[in-house]
Amino acid sequence: MAIVVRGAFGHTARIGVGSCGARDSHCLADDHGVVRAGLRLLLGEDPDFDVVAEASDVDGALRAVLGHKPDVLVLDLNMPGELTSLEALPAWRSARPGRRP
């Protein structure tokens, strides 16, 4: 699973390069609904992208990744939750043990 992290000022980083198939499944995790809606709209224009889950906090993102096992997690670094986004990364990465980190 690849993890795309969005931080302050629009900076992004891609962590891991999974061997994604012809159609990539995505989970959008951001505490701002307008950001998730915009990303869903942009990704929806490409037939190779499929948004399978959304989350507005770290705990919801963890549940979404464990339940849906997406190829890509688009992640906001500054979201509410019991863990920080960075603290939850190991659990998200272990959700896809057959994928390259």
N, C-alpha and C. Protein backbone atom coordinates (compact mmCIF):
# COMPACT_ATOMS: atom_id res chain seq x y z
N MET A 1 0.85 -1.17 0.00
CA MET A 1 0.00 0.00 0.00
C MET A 1 0.89 1.23 0.00
N ALA A 2 0.56 2.17 -0.83
CA ALA A 2 1.25 3.45 -0.81
C ALA A 2 0.48 4.38 0.11
N ILE A 3 1.18 5.23 0.82
CA ILE A 3 0.55 6.20 1.70
C ILE A 3 0.98 7.58 1.23
N VAL A 4 0.01 8.41 0.89
CA VAL A 4 0.29 9.77 0.48
C VAL A 4 -0.05 10.66 1.66
N VAL A 5 0.91 11.41 2.15
CA VAL A 5 0.73 12.23 3.34
C VAL A 5 0.66 13.69 2.92
N ARG A 6 -0.38 14.40 3.36
CA ARG A 6 -0.52 15.82 3.07
C ARG A 6 -0.33 16.57 4.37
N GLY A 7 0.62 17.47 4.37
CA GLY A 7 0.90 18.26 5.56
C GLY A 7 0.54 19.71 5.35
N ALA A 8 1.04 20.53 6.22
CA ALA A 8 0.78 21.97 6.16
C ALA A 8 1.32 22.56 4.86
N PHE A 9 0.66 23.58 4.38
CA PHE A 9 1.08 24.32 3.19
C PHE A 9 1.10 23.48 1.93
N GLY A 10 0.33 22.39 1.89
CA GLY A 10 0.21 21.59 0.69
C GLY A 10 1.37 20.65 0.41
N HIS A 11 2.31 20.51 1.33
CA HIS A 11 3.43 19.60 1.12
C HIS A 11 2.93 18.17 1.18
N THR A 12 3.39 17.33 0.25
CA THR A 12 2.98 15.94 0.23
C THR A 12 4.20 15.04 0.18
N ALA A 13 4.02 13.81 0.63
CA ALA A 13 5.07 12.80 0.55
C ALA A 13 4.40 11.47 0.27
N ARG A 14 5.03 10.63 -0.53
CA ARG A 14 4.51 9.30 -0.82
C ARG A 14 5.40 8.30 -0.10
N ILE A 15 4.80 7.48 0.74
CA ILE A 15 5.54 6.51 1.54
C ILE A 15 5.20 5.12 1.01
N GLY A 16 6.18 4.41 0.52
CA GLY A 16 5.95 3.07 0.00
C GLY A 16 5.49 3.11 -1.44
N VAL A 17 5.81 2.07 -2.16
CA VAL A 17 5.37 1.97 -3.56
C VAL A 17 4.86 0.56 -3.74
N GLY A 18 3.60 0.34 -3.41
CA GLY A 18 3.02 -0.98 -3.57
C GLY A 18 2.86 -1.34 -5.03
N SER A 19 2.75 -2.59 -5.31
CA SER A 19 2.55 -3.04 -6.68
C SER A 19 1.06 -2.97 -6.98
N CYS A 20 0.58 -1.78 -7.29
CA CYS A 20 -0.83 -1.55 -7.51
C CYS A 20 -1.27 -2.17 -8.84
N GLY A 21 -2.50 -2.62 -8.89
CA GLY A 21 -3.03 -3.23 -10.09
C GLY A 21 -3.53 -2.18 -11.07
N ALA A 22 -4.35 -2.64 -12.03
CA ALA A 22 -4.83 -1.75 -13.08
C ALA A 22 -5.75 -0.67 -12.51
N ARG A 23 -6.50 -0.98 -11.47
CA ARG A 23 -7.40 -0.01 -10.85
C ARG A 23 -7.02 0.11 -9.38
N ASP A 24 -6.56 1.28 -8.98
CA ASP A 24 -6.11 1.50 -7.61
C ASP A 24 -7.26 1.91 -6.71
N SER A 25 -7.36 1.28 -5.54
CA SER A 25 -8.36 1.69 -4.56
C SER A 25 -7.72 2.69 -3.61
N HIS A 26 -8.49 3.72 -3.24
CA HIS A 26 -7.99 4.81 -2.41
C HIS A 26 -8.85 5.00 -1.17
N CYS A 27 -8.19 5.39 -0.08
CA CYS A 27 -8.87 5.85 1.12
C CYS A 27 -8.44 7.29 1.34
N LEU A 28 -9.41 8.18 1.49
CA LEU A 28 -9.14 9.60 1.71
C LEU A 28 -9.32 9.91 3.19
N ALA A 29 -8.28 10.38 3.84
CA ALA A 29 -8.34 10.68 5.27
C ALA A 29 -7.93 12.13 5.50
N ASP A 30 -8.92 12.96 5.79
CA ASP A 30 -8.68 14.38 6.05
C ASP A 30 -9.84 14.87 6.91
N ASP A 31 -9.54 15.72 7.89
CA ASP A 31 -10.61 16.19 8.77
C ASP A 31 -11.42 17.32 8.15
N HIS A 32 -11.09 17.74 6.95
CA HIS A 32 -11.86 18.77 6.25
C HIS A 32 -12.66 18.12 5.13
N GLY A 33 -13.96 18.13 5.27
CA GLY A 33 -14.84 17.50 4.29
C GLY A 33 -14.68 18.06 2.89
N VAL A 34 -14.41 19.35 2.78
CA VAL A 34 -14.25 19.95 1.45
C VAL A 34 -13.00 19.41 0.75
N VAL A 35 -11.95 19.10 1.50
CA VAL A 35 -10.74 18.51 0.91
C VAL A 35 -11.05 17.11 0.41
N ARG A 36 -11.72 16.30 1.23
CA ARG A 36 -12.09 14.95 0.80
C ARG A 36 -12.99 14.99 -0.43
N ALA A 37 -13.95 15.91 -0.44
CA ALA A 37 -14.86 16.02 -1.58
C ALA A 37 -14.10 16.41 -2.85
N GLY A 38 -13.16 17.34 -2.73
CA GLY A 38 -12.37 17.75 -3.88
C GLY A 38 -11.50 16.62 -4.41
N LEU A 39 -10.86 15.88 -3.51
CA LEU A 39 -10.04 14.75 -3.93
C LEU A 39 -10.89 13.67 -4.59
N ARG A 40 -12.06 13.40 -4.00
CA ARG A 40 -12.96 12.39 -4.58
C ARG A 40 -13.37 12.81 -5.99
N LEU A 41 -13.67 14.10 -6.17
CA LEU A 41 -14.05 14.61 -7.48
C LEU A 41 -12.91 14.45 -8.49
N LEU A 42 -11.70 14.84 -8.10
CA LEU A 42 -10.55 14.72 -8.99
C LEU A 42 -10.24 13.26 -9.33
N LEU A 43 -10.22 12.41 -8.32
CA LEU A 43 -9.92 11.00 -8.57
C LEU A 43 -11.02 10.31 -9.36
N GLY A 44 -12.25 10.78 -9.19
CA GLY A 44 -13.38 10.18 -9.91
C GLY A 44 -13.34 10.41 -11.40
N GLU A 45 -12.56 11.38 -11.84
CA GLU A 45 -12.44 11.66 -13.27
C GLU A 45 -11.56 10.64 -13.98
N ASP A 46 -10.78 9.88 -13.24
CA ASP A 46 -9.88 8.88 -13.83
C ASP A 46 -10.45 7.49 -13.57
N PRO A 47 -10.69 6.71 -14.62
CA PRO A 47 -11.29 5.38 -14.43
C PRO A 47 -10.39 4.39 -13.69
N ASP A 48 -9.10 4.72 -13.56
CA ASP A 48 -8.19 3.81 -12.86
C ASP A 48 -8.17 4.01 -11.35
N PHE A 49 -8.87 5.04 -10.85
CA PHE A 49 -8.91 5.32 -9.42
C PHE A 49 -10.30 5.04 -8.87
N ASP A 50 -10.33 4.39 -7.72
CA ASP A 50 -11.58 4.06 -7.06
C ASP A 50 -11.47 4.44 -5.58
N VAL A 51 -12.25 5.41 -5.14
CA VAL A 51 -12.25 5.79 -3.73
C VAL A 51 -13.18 4.82 -3.00
N VAL A 52 -12.59 4.00 -2.13
CA VAL A 52 -13.37 2.97 -1.44
C VAL A 52 -13.75 3.36 -0.02
N ALA A 53 -13.09 4.39 0.54
CA ALA A 53 -13.40 4.79 1.91
C ALA A 53 -12.92 6.21 2.17
N GLU A 54 -13.56 6.85 3.15
CA GLU A 54 -13.16 8.18 3.61
C GLU A 54 -13.17 8.18 5.13
N ALA A 55 -12.35 9.06 5.70
CA ALA A 55 -12.31 9.19 7.15
C ALA A 55 -12.00 10.63 7.51
N SER A 56 -12.55 11.08 8.65
CA SER A 56 -12.34 12.46 9.09
C SER A 56 -11.44 12.55 10.32
N ASP A 57 -10.95 11.40 10.82
CA ASP A 57 -10.02 11.41 11.94
C ASP A 57 -9.12 10.18 11.85
N VAL A 58 -8.10 10.14 12.68
CA VAL A 58 -7.11 9.06 12.62
C VAL A 58 -7.77 7.72 12.92
N ASP A 59 -8.64 7.67 13.92
CA ASP A 59 -9.27 6.41 14.30
C ASP A 59 -10.14 5.87 13.15
N GLY A 60 -10.88 6.75 12.49
CA GLY A 60 -11.70 6.35 11.35
C GLY A 60 -10.85 5.89 10.18
N ALA A 61 -9.71 6.55 9.98
CA ALA A 61 -8.80 6.14 8.90
C ALA A 61 -8.24 4.75 9.16
N LEU A 62 -7.89 4.49 10.40
CA LEU A 62 -7.38 3.17 10.76
C LEU A 62 -8.44 2.09 10.50
N ARG A 63 -9.67 2.34 10.92
CA ARG A 63 -10.76 1.39 10.67
C ARG A 63 -10.98 1.20 9.17
N ALA A 64 -10.94 2.29 8.41
CA ALA A 64 -11.17 2.22 6.96
C ALA A 64 -10.08 1.40 6.27
N VAL A 65 -8.83 1.62 6.65
CA VAL A 65 -7.73 0.88 6.03
C VAL A 65 -7.80 -0.60 6.38
N LEU A 66 -8.06 -0.90 7.64
CA LEU A 66 -8.15 -2.30 8.05
C LEU A 66 -9.35 -3.00 7.41
N GLY A 67 -10.45 -2.26 7.23
CA GLY A 67 -11.65 -2.86 6.64
C GLY A 67 -11.63 -2.97 5.13
N HIS A 68 -11.09 -1.96 4.45
CA HIS A 68 -11.14 -1.91 2.99
C HIS A 68 -9.84 -2.30 2.30
N LYS A 69 -8.72 -2.25 3.03
CA LYS A 69 -7.41 -2.58 2.50
C LYS A 69 -7.12 -1.89 1.16
N PRO A 70 -7.15 -0.55 1.15
CA PRO A 70 -6.93 0.19 -0.11
C PRO A 70 -5.46 0.09 -0.56
N ASP A 71 -5.26 0.35 -1.85
CA ASP A 71 -3.90 0.40 -2.40
C ASP A 71 -3.18 1.67 -1.98
N VAL A 72 -3.94 2.77 -1.84
CA VAL A 72 -3.36 4.08 -1.54
C VAL A 72 -4.16 4.74 -0.42
N LEU A 73 -3.44 5.28 0.55
CA LEU A 73 -4.06 6.08 1.61
C LEU A 73 -3.60 7.51 1.44
N VAL A 74 -4.53 8.42 1.19
CA VAL A 74 -4.23 9.85 1.11
C VAL A 74 -4.50 10.39 2.51
N LEU A 75 -3.46 10.85 3.18
CA LEU A 75 -3.51 11.11 4.61
C LEU A 75 -3.12 12.53 4.96
N ASP A 76 -3.96 13.19 5.76
CA ASP A 76 -3.63 14.49 6.34
C ASP A 76 -2.84 14.23 7.62
N LEU A 77 -1.74 14.91 7.80
CA LEU A 77 -0.92 14.70 8.99
C LEU A 77 -1.55 15.28 10.26
N ASN A 78 -2.39 16.29 10.12
CA ASN A 78 -2.94 16.99 11.28
C ASN A 78 -4.43 16.69 11.43
N MET A 79 -4.73 15.50 11.94
CA MET A 79 -6.12 15.12 12.17
C MET A 79 -6.32 14.74 13.63
N PRO A 80 -7.55 14.90 14.12
CA PRO A 80 -7.83 14.49 15.49
C PRO A 80 -7.86 12.97 15.62
N GLY A 81 -7.61 12.49 16.83
CA GLY A 81 -7.68 11.06 17.10
C GLY A 81 -6.85 10.71 18.32
N GLU A 82 -7.02 9.46 18.79
CA GLU A 82 -6.24 9.02 19.95
C GLU A 82 -4.76 8.95 19.62
N LEU A 83 -4.43 8.56 18.39
CA LEU A 83 -3.05 8.54 17.91
C LEU A 83 -2.88 9.69 16.92
N THR A 84 -1.64 10.09 16.69
CA THR A 84 -1.38 11.02 15.61
C THR A 84 -1.31 10.22 14.30
N SER A 85 -1.38 10.92 13.19
CA SER A 85 -1.28 10.24 11.90
C SER A 85 0.03 9.47 11.79
N LEU A 86 1.12 10.07 12.24
CA LEU A 86 2.42 9.40 12.16
C LEU A 86 2.50 8.18 13.08
N GLU A 87 1.88 8.26 14.25
CA GLU A 87 1.90 7.12 15.18
C GLU A 87 1.11 5.94 14.62
N ALA A 88 0.11 6.21 13.79
CA ALA A 88 -0.73 5.15 13.24
C ALA A 88 -0.15 4.51 11.97
N LEU A 89 0.89 5.10 11.39
CA LEU A 89 1.46 4.57 10.14
C LEU A 89 1.84 3.10 10.21
N PRO A 90 2.49 2.61 11.27
CA PRO A 90 2.84 1.18 11.29
C PRO A 90 1.61 0.26 11.18
N ALA A 91 0.51 0.62 11.82
CA ALA A 91 -0.70 -0.20 11.74
C ALA A 91 -1.26 -0.18 10.32
N TRP A 92 -1.24 0.99 9.69
CA TRP A 92 -1.75 1.08 8.31
C TRP A 92 -0.89 0.25 7.37
N ARG A 93 0.42 0.34 7.55
CA ARG A 93 1.32 -0.40 6.65
C ARG A 93 1.17 -1.89 6.86
N SER A 94 0.93 -2.35 8.08
CA SER A 94 0.79 -3.78 8.33
C SER A 94 -0.55 -4.32 7.84
N ALA A 95 -1.47 -3.44 7.48
CA ALA A 95 -2.78 -3.88 6.98
C ALA A 95 -2.64 -4.58 5.63
N ARG A 96 -1.56 -4.34 4.92
CA ARG A 96 -1.32 -4.95 3.62
C ARG A 96 0.01 -5.70 3.65
N PRO A 97 0.12 -6.80 4.38
CA PRO A 97 1.41 -7.47 4.55
C PRO A 97 1.99 -8.02 3.24
N GLY A 98 1.16 -8.31 2.26
CA GLY A 98 1.67 -8.83 0.99
C GLY A 98 2.23 -7.77 0.08
N ARG A 99 2.08 -6.52 0.43
CA ARG A 99 2.54 -5.39 -0.40
C ARG A 99 3.92 -4.96 0.04
N ARG A 100 4.65 -4.39 -0.92
CA ARG A 100 5.93 -3.78 -0.56
C ARG A 100 5.67 -2.52 0.24
N PRO A 101 6.45 -2.28 1.29
CA PRO A 101 6.25 -1.04 2.07
C PRO A 101 6.66 0.18 1.27
